[in-house]
């Protein structure tokens, strides 16, 4: 993983998606086959909720 300025990530939806995918891939690498079965759905659900919360918070802040 390369280091990217946090401000660059905040400004770019594409960078957010790329960094999220990198984190997901890194976590998948350390899980067993049994754990992988549940991981993808759980990860996607949690990340979706976090992004939704962040977007609502940013919207209220404007």
N, C-alpha and C. Protein backbone atom coordinates (compact mmCIF):
# COMPACT_ATOMS: atom_id res chain seq x y z
N UNK A 1 0.84 -1.18 0.00
CA UNK A 1 0.00 0.00 0.00
C UNK A 1 0.88 1.24 0.00
N UNK A 2 0.50 2.19 -0.80
CA UNK A 2 1.24 3.45 -0.84
C UNK A 2 0.58 4.46 0.10
N UNK A 3 1.35 5.45 0.50
CA UNK A 3 0.84 6.49 1.38
C UNK A 3 0.22 7.59 0.53
N UNK A 4 -1.01 7.99 0.89
CA UNK A 4 -1.71 9.04 0.17
C UNK A 4 -2.17 10.07 1.18
N UNK A 5 -2.07 11.32 0.82
CA UNK A 5 -2.53 12.41 1.67
C UNK A 5 -4.02 12.26 1.96
N UNK A 6 -4.41 12.36 3.23
CA UNK A 6 -5.81 12.18 3.62
C UNK A 6 -6.72 13.20 2.93
N UNK A 7 -6.23 14.39 2.68
CA UNK A 7 -7.03 15.41 1.98
C UNK A 7 -7.34 14.98 0.55
N UNK A 8 -6.39 14.30 -0.09
CA UNK A 8 -6.63 13.79 -1.44
C UNK A 8 -7.74 12.75 -1.42
N UNK A 9 -7.74 11.90 -0.42
CA UNK A 9 -8.76 10.86 -0.31
C UNK A 9 -10.13 11.50 -0.06
N UNK A 10 -10.18 12.48 0.81
CA UNK A 10 -11.46 13.16 1.12
C UNK A 10 -12.07 13.80 -0.12
N UNK A 11 -11.26 14.28 -1.02
CA UNK A 11 -11.74 14.99 -2.20
C UNK A 11 -12.11 14.06 -3.35
N UNK A 12 -11.68 12.82 -3.30
CA UNK A 12 -11.86 11.93 -4.44
C UNK A 12 -12.65 10.68 -4.08
N UNK A 13 -13.82 10.54 -4.68
CA UNK A 13 -14.63 9.34 -4.47
C UNK A 13 -13.91 8.10 -4.99
N UNK A 14 -13.19 8.26 -6.10
CA UNK A 14 -12.45 7.14 -6.67
C UNK A 14 -11.36 6.66 -5.73
N UNK A 15 -10.63 7.61 -5.12
CA UNK A 15 -9.58 7.23 -4.16
C UNK A 15 -10.18 6.55 -2.94
N UNK A 16 -11.33 7.03 -2.48
CA UNK A 16 -12.00 6.40 -1.34
C UNK A 16 -12.31 4.95 -1.66
N UNK A 17 -12.84 4.72 -2.85
CA UNK A 17 -13.19 3.36 -3.27
C UNK A 17 -11.94 2.49 -3.39
N UNK A 18 -10.89 3.02 -3.98
CA UNK A 18 -9.65 2.27 -4.14
C UNK A 18 -9.05 1.89 -2.79
N UNK A 19 -9.00 2.84 -1.86
CA UNK A 19 -8.42 2.57 -0.54
C UNK A 19 -9.27 1.57 0.23
N UNK A 20 -10.57 1.66 0.09
CA UNK A 20 -11.46 0.70 0.73
C UNK A 20 -11.22 -0.71 0.17
N UNK A 21 -11.07 -0.80 -1.14
CA UNK A 21 -10.81 -2.10 -1.77
C UNK A 21 -9.45 -2.66 -1.36
N UNK A 22 -8.45 -1.78 -1.20
CA UNK A 22 -7.13 -2.23 -0.73
C UNK A 22 -7.21 -2.78 0.69
N UNK A 23 -7.95 -2.09 1.54
CA UNK A 23 -8.11 -2.54 2.92
C UNK A 23 -8.84 -3.88 2.96
N UNK A 24 -9.87 -4.01 2.16
CA UNK A 24 -10.64 -5.26 2.11
C UNK A 24 -9.75 -6.41 1.64
N UNK A 25 -8.96 -6.18 0.61
CA UNK A 25 -8.07 -7.22 0.10
C UNK A 25 -7.03 -7.63 1.14
N UNK A 26 -6.50 -6.65 1.86
CA UNK A 26 -5.51 -6.95 2.90
C UNK A 26 -6.12 -7.81 4.01
N UNK A 27 -7.33 -7.50 4.40
CA UNK A 27 -8.00 -8.29 5.44
C UNK A 27 -8.34 -9.69 4.94
N UNK A 28 -8.77 -9.80 3.69
CA UNK A 28 -9.13 -11.10 3.13
C UNK A 28 -7.91 -12.04 3.11
N UNK A 29 -6.73 -11.46 2.90
CA UNK A 29 -5.50 -12.26 2.84
C UNK A 29 -5.21 -13.01 4.13
N UNK A 30 -5.68 -12.51 5.25
CA UNK A 30 -5.35 -13.14 6.53
C UNK A 30 -6.46 -14.03 7.07
N UNK A 31 -7.58 -14.14 6.34
CA UNK A 31 -8.70 -14.94 6.82
C UNK A 31 -8.69 -16.35 6.25
N UNK A 32 -9.28 -17.26 7.00
CA UNK A 32 -9.42 -18.64 6.53
C UNK A 32 -10.59 -18.71 5.53
N UNK A 33 -10.69 -19.82 4.82
CA UNK A 33 -11.78 -20.02 3.86
C UNK A 33 -13.14 -19.91 4.55
N UNK A 34 -13.24 -20.47 5.73
CA UNK A 34 -14.49 -20.44 6.49
C UNK A 34 -14.88 -18.99 6.83
N UNK A 35 -13.90 -18.20 7.22
CA UNK A 35 -14.16 -16.81 7.58
C UNK A 35 -14.51 -15.97 6.36
N UNK A 36 -13.93 -16.30 5.23
CA UNK A 36 -14.18 -15.54 4.01
C UNK A 36 -15.64 -15.60 3.58
N UNK A 37 -16.31 -16.71 3.88
CA UNK A 37 -17.70 -16.87 3.49
C UNK A 37 -18.58 -15.75 4.05
N UNK A 38 -18.30 -15.32 5.26
CA UNK A 38 -19.10 -14.28 5.89
C UNK A 38 -18.48 -12.89 5.75
N UNK A 39 -17.21 -12.85 5.49
CA UNK A 39 -16.49 -11.58 5.52
C UNK A 39 -17.00 -10.56 4.51
N UNK A 40 -17.13 -10.95 3.24
CA UNK A 40 -17.50 -9.99 2.20
C UNK A 40 -18.80 -9.26 2.51
N UNK A 41 -19.83 -10.01 2.85
CA UNK A 41 -21.13 -9.39 3.15
C UNK A 41 -21.02 -8.48 4.36
N UNK A 42 -20.39 -8.95 5.41
CA UNK A 42 -20.26 -8.15 6.62
C UNK A 42 -19.46 -6.88 6.36
N UNK A 43 -18.35 -7.01 5.68
CA UNK A 43 -17.51 -5.85 5.37
C UNK A 43 -18.29 -4.82 4.56
N UNK A 44 -18.97 -5.27 3.51
CA UNK A 44 -19.72 -4.35 2.66
C UNK A 44 -20.83 -3.65 3.43
N UNK A 45 -21.52 -4.39 4.30
CA UNK A 45 -22.58 -3.79 5.12
C UNK A 45 -22.03 -2.71 6.04
N UNK A 46 -20.94 -3.03 6.71
CA UNK A 46 -20.35 -2.07 7.67
C UNK A 46 -19.81 -0.84 6.95
N UNK A 47 -19.08 -1.04 5.88
CA UNK A 47 -18.52 0.09 5.15
C UNK A 47 -19.65 0.97 4.59
N UNK A 48 -20.70 0.35 4.10
CA UNK A 48 -21.84 1.11 3.60
C UNK A 48 -22.45 1.99 4.68
N UNK A 49 -22.60 1.43 5.88
CA UNK A 49 -23.16 2.20 6.99
C UNK A 49 -22.24 3.33 7.41
N UNK A 50 -20.95 3.07 7.43
CA UNK A 50 -19.98 4.11 7.79
C UNK A 50 -20.02 5.24 6.78
N UNK A 51 -19.98 4.91 5.48
CA UNK A 51 -20.02 5.95 4.46
C UNK A 51 -21.31 6.76 4.54
N UNK A 52 -22.42 6.07 4.78
CA UNK A 52 -23.71 6.77 4.89
C UNK A 52 -23.67 7.74 6.07
N UNK A 53 -23.13 7.29 7.20
CA UNK A 53 -23.02 8.15 8.37
C UNK A 53 -22.12 9.35 8.13
N UNK A 54 -21.02 9.13 7.45
CA UNK A 54 -20.10 10.22 7.14
C UNK A 54 -20.76 11.23 6.21
N UNK A 55 -21.46 10.73 5.21
CA UNK A 55 -22.11 11.63 4.26
C UNK A 55 -23.18 12.47 4.96
N UNK A 56 -23.96 11.85 5.85
CA UNK A 56 -24.99 12.59 6.59
C UNK A 56 -24.36 13.64 7.49
N UNK A 57 -23.25 13.28 8.14
CA UNK A 57 -22.56 14.22 9.02
C UNK A 57 -22.02 15.40 8.22
N UNK A 58 -21.41 15.11 7.06
CA UNK A 58 -20.88 16.19 6.22
C UNK A 58 -22.00 17.09 5.72
N UNK A 59 -23.14 16.49 5.37
CA UNK A 59 -24.28 17.26 4.88
C UNK A 59 -24.81 18.18 5.97
N UNK A 60 -24.91 17.70 7.20
CA UNK A 60 -25.38 18.51 8.32
C UNK A 60 -24.40 19.62 8.65
N UNK A 61 -23.12 19.38 8.40
CA UNK A 61 -22.08 20.36 8.70
C UNK A 61 -22.07 21.54 7.75
N UNK A 62 -22.66 21.38 6.57
CA UNK A 62 -22.65 22.46 5.56
C UNK A 62 -23.60 23.57 5.90
